[in-house]
Amino acid sequence: MLPQRAQDPAVRELGRLRAAAAAGNTDPEPAARLIRAYFDLSLARGDPRYIGYAEAVLARFKAPLAPILRVERGLLRQYRHDFTGALDDFAGALALAPGLAEAHAWRAAIFLVQANYPAAEMECAALARLGRDSLADGCMGLSMAYGGKLDSAARHLQKALAATADPGNRAWLLTRLGEVAAWRGHPAVAERHFRDALRLGRDDVYLLAAWGDYLLDVGRHDDLLEALAGWDASDSLLLRLAEAEARLGRAVASRRIQVLEDRFAAARARGDETHMAEEARFRLRLRGDAKGALALALANYRVQREPRDARILLEAAIAAGDAAAAGPVRDWLQSSGFEDALLRRLGEESALVIRR
């Protein structure tokens, strides 16, 4: 069962949506709203159980699915890293309802994860043709950031931010602006963007993870422990808490490390491969297992090729003394022109290591 916190607005809203979906029976619209609420809560709180509840709602409907339900199934598939299935669902939804802008936005997101920037930019252009300027600029900004144009990326993301009042969109854009500023070597600007996003007061695991990574990179471990206090239920945030505690020599780190070990083992037992990058980081930074980390990072990079995925592969290859393993990331750095100084330094270092 879901945690039932009576005063939690999200829990009250779920109750309303469940009742509407039950009353609607075979009506796809209330079901789609309930599925999306579960999906959003999973992302906000880092709790994968909500995805299972969403999948159970979707399972009530038989093929062929209405376009809005194909979009929801696409979201659930991409969460499970079935990117091929998700792209097919979004394309199918668009074939029936060409005005579904979010299907283009999610297709772009998947193409960015796969480092297919030309395909992503085609989706950004489709959003612009639909008049969804904020989505289009956010989409293009992130594509430019990954593709070696950080200054232009920041301008597009700022333009997108100015065009939206939606708190969720603003949190996402501010988080991305924080990441871009950090990659550009502007830590004070990055911190301002992250703090602006945090002030929106939304549960957002991605934002907290990005903020936590920034604090780790600048050595502010106590600040990280304060920022992520109470977020032990999220594996990705627990990982960052454990890293900070380990670097500070805190005794509690060993307990958190064992909890993470147990959670990753449980995920493997149920065939869940969605957290390979996080487990690779865990193996490398908290267990000192360079070879195990490298195997996970390589498997992850075959599926996901965002900058954070590239970073853990480079770090693991360097630690394992395996220059060849980091070849795909060095190729990406050269072809994309990605400008982050840290990743470029790691790329150069990875080419020089000697196998251990």
Protein backbone atom coordinates (compact mmCIF):
# COMPACT_ATOMS: atom_id res chain seq x y z
CA MET A 1 0.00 0.00 0.00
CA LEU A 2 1.04 3.61 -0.53
CA PRO A 3 2.03 5.67 2.49
CA GLN A 4 -1.21 7.23 3.69
CA ARG A 5 -0.37 10.67 5.07
CA ALA A 6 -3.75 12.26 5.62
CA GLN A 7 -2.45 15.83 5.39
CA ASP A 8 -0.41 15.15 2.26
CA PRO A 9 -2.07 16.99 -0.68
CA ALA A 10 -0.64 14.44 -3.13
CA VAL A 11 -2.30 11.59 -1.25
CA ARG A 12 -5.63 13.43 -1.18
CA GLU A 13 -5.35 14.11 -4.91
CA LEU A 14 -4.59 10.44 -5.59
CA GLY A 15 -7.77 9.49 -3.76
CA ARG A 16 -9.79 11.85 -5.93
CA LEU A 17 -8.17 10.57 -9.12
CA ARG A 18 -8.66 6.92 -8.16
CA ALA A 19 -12.35 7.57 -7.55
CA ALA A 20 -12.70 9.36 -10.91
CA ALA A 21 -10.91 6.54 -12.74
CA ALA A 22 -13.14 3.94 -11.09
CA ALA A 23 -16.27 5.88 -11.96
CA GLY A 24 -15.07 6.34 -15.52
CA ASN A 25 -14.52 2.60 -15.93
CA THR A 26 -13.35 2.35 -19.56
CA ASP A 27 -12.93 6.11 -20.12
CA PRO A 28 -9.22 6.65 -20.93
CA GLU A 29 -9.04 10.27 -19.76
CA PRO A 30 -9.47 9.83 -15.97
CA ALA A 31 -7.28 6.72 -16.15
CA ALA A 32 -4.57 8.72 -17.94
CA ARG A 33 -4.71 11.42 -15.25
CA LEU A 34 -4.30 8.81 -12.51
CA ILE A 35 -1.41 7.11 -14.33
CA ARG A 36 0.31 10.47 -14.75
CA ALA A 37 -0.15 11.30 -11.08
CA TYR A 38 1.50 8.03 -10.08
CA PHE A 39 4.31 8.63 -12.58
CA ASP A 40 4.91 12.17 -11.34
CA LEU A 41 5.01 11.01 -7.72
CA SER A 42 7.54 8.33 -8.59
CA LEU A 43 9.84 10.94 -10.10
CA ALA A 44 9.21 13.44 -7.31
CA ARG A 45 9.90 11.04 -4.45
CA GLY A 46 12.16 8.42 -5.99
CA ASP A 47 9.70 5.65 -5.14
CA PRO A 48 9.35 3.02 -7.91
CA ARG A 49 6.23 1.53 -6.33
CA TYR A 50 4.17 4.27 -7.95
CA ILE A 51 5.23 2.99 -11.36
CA GLY A 52 3.81 -0.42 -10.51
CA TYR A 53 0.51 1.17 -9.48
CA ALA A 54 0.43 3.12 -12.75
CA GLU A 55 1.08 -0.03 -14.76
CA ALA A 56 -1.79 -1.76 -12.96
CA VAL A 57 -4.18 1.02 -14.02
CA LEU A 58 -2.98 0.78 -17.62
CA ALA A 59 -3.43 -2.99 -17.61
CA ARG A 60 -7.21 -2.53 -17.37
CA PHE A 61 -7.28 -1.32 -20.98
CA LYS A 62 -7.02 -3.50 -24.07
CA ALA A 63 -5.36 -2.65 -27.35
CA PRO A 64 -5.68 -0.56 -29.37
CA LEU A 65 -5.03 2.10 -26.75
CA ALA A 66 -6.32 5.64 -27.08
CA PRO A 67 -3.55 8.17 -27.92
CA ILE A 68 -3.43 9.60 -24.40
CA LEU A 69 -2.93 6.11 -22.97
CA ARG A 70 -0.22 5.37 -25.51
CA VAL A 71 1.59 8.44 -24.21
CA GLU A 72 1.25 7.18 -20.65
CA ARG A 73 2.48 3.71 -21.62
CA GLY A 74 5.41 5.38 -23.35
CA LEU A 75 6.30 7.19 -20.13
CA LEU A 76 6.19 3.96 -18.15
CA ARG A 77 8.26 2.15 -20.77
CA GLN A 78 10.94 4.82 -20.82
CA TYR A 79 11.06 4.67 -17.02
CA ARG A 80 11.86 0.96 -17.38
CA HIS A 81 14.46 1.89 -20.05
CA ASP A 82 12.46 0.23 -22.83
CA PHE A 83 13.32 3.14 -25.08
CA THR A 84 12.38 1.34 -28.29
CA GLY A 85 8.91 0.56 -26.99
CA ALA A 86 8.49 4.08 -25.64
CA LEU A 87 9.47 5.69 -28.94
CA ASP A 88 7.00 3.44 -30.71
CA ASP A 89 4.23 4.44 -28.31
CA PHE A 90 4.89 8.15 -28.71
CA ALA A 91 5.02 7.80 -32.51
CA GLY A 92 1.76 5.83 -32.47
CA ALA A 93 0.08 8.48 -30.35
CA LEU A 94 1.26 11.23 -32.70
CA ALA A 95 0.01 9.33 -35.75
CA LEU A 96 -3.50 9.51 -34.28
CA ALA A 97 -3.22 12.90 -32.55
CA PRO A 98 -0.51 15.06 -34.18
CA GLY A 99 -1.00 17.88 -31.68
CA LEU A 100 0.25 15.89 -28.66
CA ALA A 101 3.23 18.09 -27.89
CA GLU A 102 4.41 16.08 -24.92
CA ALA A 103 4.90 13.04 -27.13
CA HIS A 104 7.43 15.08 -29.12
CA ALA A 105 9.01 16.31 -25.88
CA TRP A 106 9.46 12.80 -24.52
CA ARG A 107 10.80 11.51 -27.84
CA ALA A 108 13.38 14.30 -27.67
CA ALA A 109 14.25 13.32 -24.10
CA ILE A 110 14.92 9.72 -25.15
CA PHE A 111 17.01 10.78 -28.15
CA LEU A 112 19.08 12.99 -25.82
CA VAL A 113 19.66 10.06 -23.48
CA GLN A 114 20.83 8.07 -26.50
CA ALA A 115 23.09 10.96 -27.66
CA ASN A 116 21.13 11.17 -30.93
CA TYR A 117 21.14 14.96 -31.10
CA PRO A 118 19.91 15.43 -34.69
CA ALA A 119 16.83 13.31 -33.93
CA ALA A 120 16.24 15.24 -30.70
CA GLU A 121 16.41 18.56 -32.53
CA MET A 122 13.80 17.36 -35.03
CA GLU A 123 11.44 16.88 -32.09
CA CYS A 124 12.35 20.33 -30.76
CA ALA A 125 11.46 21.78 -34.16
CA ALA A 126 8.13 19.95 -34.09
CA LEU A 127 7.37 21.56 -30.72
CA ALA A 128 8.14 24.98 -32.19
CA ARG A 129 5.77 24.31 -35.11
CA LEU A 130 3.04 23.49 -32.60
CA GLY A 131 3.59 26.85 -30.95
CA ARG A 132 4.95 25.32 -27.72
CA ASP A 133 7.74 27.84 -27.42
CA SER A 134 8.82 27.11 -23.84
CA LEU A 135 8.99 23.38 -24.48
CA ALA A 136 10.81 23.95 -27.77
CA ASP A 137 13.42 26.24 -26.21
CA GLY A 138 13.96 23.92 -23.26
CA CYS A 139 14.35 21.01 -25.65
CA MET A 140 16.79 22.87 -27.90
CA GLY A 141 18.71 24.22 -24.92
CA LEU A 142 19.42 20.77 -23.55
CA SER A 143 20.36 19.43 -26.98
CA MET A 144 22.80 22.31 -27.43
CA ALA A 145 24.24 21.73 -23.97
CA TYR A 146 25.01 18.10 -24.74
CA GLY A 147 26.19 19.01 -28.23
CA GLY A 148 28.98 21.41 -27.30
CA LYS A 149 27.21 24.80 -27.31
CA LEU A 150 26.86 25.70 -23.64
CA ASP A 151 26.48 29.46 -24.09
CA SER A 152 23.68 29.04 -26.63
CA ALA A 153 22.15 26.35 -24.43
CA ALA A 154 21.95 28.71 -21.47
CA ARG A 155 20.23 31.37 -23.60
CA HIS A 156 17.60 28.92 -24.84
CA LEU A 157 16.94 27.61 -21.34
CA GLN A 158 16.61 31.15 -19.99
CA LYS A 159 14.19 32.00 -22.78
CA ALA A 160 12.14 28.90 -21.95
CA LEU A 161 12.13 29.86 -18.27
CA ALA A 162 10.85 33.34 -19.04
CA ALA A 163 7.98 31.87 -21.05
CA THR A 164 6.51 29.56 -18.40
CA ALA A 165 4.87 30.05 -15.02
CA ASP A 166 4.31 26.33 -14.40
CA PRO A 167 6.22 25.34 -11.22
CA GLY A 168 7.16 21.92 -12.56
CA ASN A 169 8.55 23.33 -15.79
CA ARG A 170 10.39 26.06 -13.91
CA ALA A 171 11.98 23.55 -11.54
CA TRP A 172 13.19 21.44 -14.48
CA LEU A 173 14.57 24.45 -16.37
CA LEU A 174 16.30 25.92 -13.32
CA THR A 175 17.87 22.55 -12.57
CA ARG A 176 19.17 22.27 -16.12
CA LEU A 177 20.43 25.85 -15.99
CA GLY A 178 22.31 24.93 -12.80
CA GLU A 179 23.93 21.97 -14.52
CA VAL A 180 24.86 24.03 -17.58
CA ALA A 181 26.40 26.75 -15.40
CA ALA A 182 28.45 24.13 -13.55
CA TRP A 183 29.67 22.68 -16.86
CA ARG A 184 30.59 26.20 -17.99
CA GLY A 185 32.72 26.64 -14.87
CA HIS A 186 30.41 29.20 -13.22
CA PRO A 187 29.74 27.75 -9.74
CA ALA A 188 28.11 30.87 -8.27
CA VAL A 189 25.62 30.99 -11.16
CA ALA A 190 24.98 27.26 -10.82
CA GLU A 191 24.25 27.62 -7.13
CA ARG A 192 21.85 30.50 -7.75
CA HIS A 193 19.86 28.42 -10.24
CA PHE A 194 19.74 25.39 -7.97
CA ARG A 195 18.59 27.49 -5.02
CA ASP A 196 15.92 29.16 -7.13
CA ALA A 197 14.65 25.70 -8.06
CA LEU A 198 14.70 24.55 -4.44
CA ARG A 199 12.74 27.61 -3.35
CA LEU A 200 9.80 26.39 -5.44
CA GLY A 201 9.29 23.89 -2.63
CA ARG A 202 8.57 20.85 -4.79
CA ASP A 203 9.55 17.25 -4.12
CA ASP A 204 11.99 16.57 -6.96
CA VAL A 205 14.55 13.78 -6.74
CA TYR A 206 16.34 14.82 -9.93
CA LEU A 207 16.82 18.36 -8.62
CA LEU A 208 18.06 17.11 -5.25
CA ALA A 209 20.47 14.69 -6.93
CA ALA A 210 21.86 17.43 -9.19
CA TRP A 211 22.20 19.78 -6.21
CA GLY A 212 23.84 17.01 -4.21
CA ASP A 213 26.33 16.30 -7.00
CA TYR A 214 27.21 19.98 -7.16
CA LEU A 215 27.82 20.05 -3.41
CA LEU A 216 29.96 16.91 -3.60
CA ASP A 217 32.02 18.33 -6.44
CA VAL A 218 32.77 21.55 -4.53
CA GLY A 219 33.50 19.65 -1.29
CA ARG A 220 30.53 20.91 0.75
CA HIS A 221 29.67 17.60 2.33
CA ASP A 222 27.97 18.95 5.44
CA ASP A 223 25.72 21.10 3.26
CA LEU A 224 24.75 18.01 1.29
CA LEU A 225 23.83 16.12 4.45
CA GLU A 226 21.56 19.00 5.45
CA ALA A 227 20.04 19.34 1.98
CA LEU A 228 19.20 15.64 1.60
CA ALA A 229 18.22 14.87 5.18
CA GLY A 230 15.15 12.66 5.32
CA TRP A 231 15.50 11.36 1.76
CA ASP A 232 16.87 7.90 2.64
CA ALA A 233 13.99 6.18 0.81
CA SER A 234 15.38 7.31 -2.56
CA ASP A 235 18.25 5.09 -3.68
CA SER A 236 19.91 7.84 -5.70
CA LEU A 237 19.77 10.32 -2.82
CA LEU A 238 20.84 7.73 -0.25
CA LEU A 239 23.89 7.10 -2.44
CA ARG A 240 24.84 10.77 -2.26
CA LEU A 241 24.27 10.86 1.48
CA ALA A 242 26.53 7.84 1.91
CA GLU A 243 29.23 9.42 -0.26
CA ALA A 244 29.22 12.60 1.80
CA GLU A 245 29.31 10.69 5.10
CA ALA A 246 32.12 8.45 3.86
CA ARG A 247 34.18 11.46 2.81
CA LEU A 248 33.60 13.01 6.24
CA GLY A 249 34.56 9.74 7.97
CA ARG A 250 31.16 9.42 9.65
CA ALA A 251 30.41 6.03 11.22
CA VAL A 252 26.84 6.08 9.89
CA ALA A 253 28.21 5.71 6.35
CA SER A 254 28.77 1.98 6.85
CA ARG A 255 25.10 1.45 7.70
CA ARG A 256 23.96 3.40 4.66
CA ILE A 257 26.39 1.48 2.45
CA GLN A 258 24.90 -1.83 3.61
CA VAL A 259 21.37 -0.56 2.94
CA LEU A 260 22.43 0.37 -0.59
CA GLU A 261 24.06 -3.03 -1.06
CA ASP A 262 20.82 -4.72 -0.08
CA ARG A 263 18.71 -2.49 -2.34
CA PHE A 264 20.90 -3.06 -5.39
CA ALA A 265 20.86 -6.81 -4.74
CA ALA A 266 17.06 -6.74 -4.52
CA ALA A 267 16.84 -4.82 -7.79
CA ARG A 268 19.04 -7.38 -9.54
CA ALA A 269 16.92 -10.20 -8.14
CA ARG A 270 13.78 -8.76 -9.71
CA GLY A 271 15.53 -8.04 -13.01
CA ASP A 272 15.54 -4.26 -12.58
CA GLU A 273 18.42 -2.77 -14.58
CA THR A 274 17.36 0.88 -14.39
CA HIS A 275 19.98 1.89 -11.83
CA MET A 276 23.19 0.49 -13.33
CA ALA A 277 24.88 3.91 -13.37
CA GLU A 278 24.04 4.45 -9.70
CA GLU A 279 25.29 0.99 -8.78
CA ALA A 280 28.48 1.55 -10.79
CA ARG A 281 29.06 4.73 -8.78
CA PHE A 282 28.35 2.84 -5.57
CA ARG A 283 30.80 0.06 -6.49
CA LEU A 284 33.53 2.53 -7.40
CA ARG A 285 33.24 5.22 -4.77
CA LEU A 286 31.97 3.30 -1.76
CA ARG A 287 33.16 -0.28 -2.30
CA GLY A 288 36.40 0.35 -4.15
CA ASP A 289 35.49 -2.27 -6.75
CA ALA A 290 36.82 -0.71 -9.94
CA LYS A 291 36.31 -3.74 -12.17
CA GLY A 292 32.77 -4.36 -10.96
CA ALA A 293 31.99 -0.67 -11.41
CA LEU A 294 33.44 -0.69 -14.91
CA ALA A 295 31.32 -3.66 -16.00
CA LEU A 296 28.17 -1.90 -14.79
CA ALA A 297 29.16 1.45 -16.30
CA LEU A 298 29.82 -0.17 -19.68
CA ALA A 299 26.46 -1.97 -19.63
CA ASN A 300 24.73 1.24 -18.66
CA TYR A 301 26.46 3.27 -21.38
CA ARG A 302 25.11 0.95 -24.04
CA VAL A 303 21.63 2.17 -23.02
CA GLN A 304 22.13 5.67 -21.59
CA ARG A 305 24.71 8.20 -22.80
CA GLU A 306 24.09 11.38 -20.87
CA PRO A 307 27.02 13.29 -19.31
CA ARG A 308 26.57 11.66 -15.90
CA ASP A 309 26.70 8.23 -17.56
CA ALA A 310 29.86 9.26 -19.39
CA ARG A 311 31.46 10.48 -16.17
CA ILE A 312 31.06 7.26 -14.21
CA LEU A 313 32.38 5.22 -17.13
CA LEU A 314 35.47 7.43 -17.38
CA GLU A 315 36.06 7.29 -13.62
CA ALA A 316 35.67 3.52 -13.53
CA ALA A 317 37.92 2.99 -16.56
CA ILE A 318 40.63 5.15 -14.98
CA ALA A 319 40.36 3.31 -11.66
CA ALA A 320 40.48 -0.08 -13.42
CA GLY A 321 43.34 1.00 -15.67
CA ASP A 322 41.37 0.18 -18.81
CA ALA A 323 41.93 2.83 -21.48
CA ALA A 324 40.01 0.92 -24.16
CA ALA A 325 36.84 0.72 -22.06
CA ALA A 326 36.58 4.51 -22.03
CA GLY A 327 36.87 4.70 -25.83
CA PRO A 328 33.12 5.23 -26.46
CA VAL A 329 33.08 8.25 -24.15
CA ARG A 330 36.22 9.74 -25.68
CA ASP A 331 34.59 9.30 -29.09
CA TRP A 332 31.47 11.08 -27.82
CA LEU A 333 33.52 13.93 -26.35
CA GLN A 334 35.22 14.42 -29.70
CA SER A 335 32.09 14.15 -31.86
CA SER A 336 29.80 16.21 -29.61
CA GLY A 337 32.26 18.85 -28.51
CA PHE A 338 30.82 18.64 -24.98
CA GLU A 339 32.50 21.48 -23.11
CA ASP A 340 32.63 20.42 -19.46
CA ALA A 341 36.26 20.78 -18.35
CA LEU A 342 36.04 17.93 -15.83
CA LEU A 343 34.80 15.39 -18.37
CA ARG A 344 37.36 16.51 -20.92
CA ARG A 345 40.14 16.11 -18.34
CA LEU A 346 38.86 12.66 -17.38
CA GLY A 347 38.71 11.74 -21.06
CA GLU A 348 42.36 12.70 -21.55
CA GLU A 349 43.38 10.89 -18.37
CA SER A 350 41.51 7.73 -19.41
CA ALA A 351 43.54 7.50 -22.61
CA LEU A 352 46.79 7.34 -20.65
CA VAL A 353 46.01 4.75 -17.98
CA ILE A 354 47.79 1.40 -17.89
CA ARG A 355 45.76 -1.75 -17.37
CA ARG A 356 46.07 -3.09 -13.83
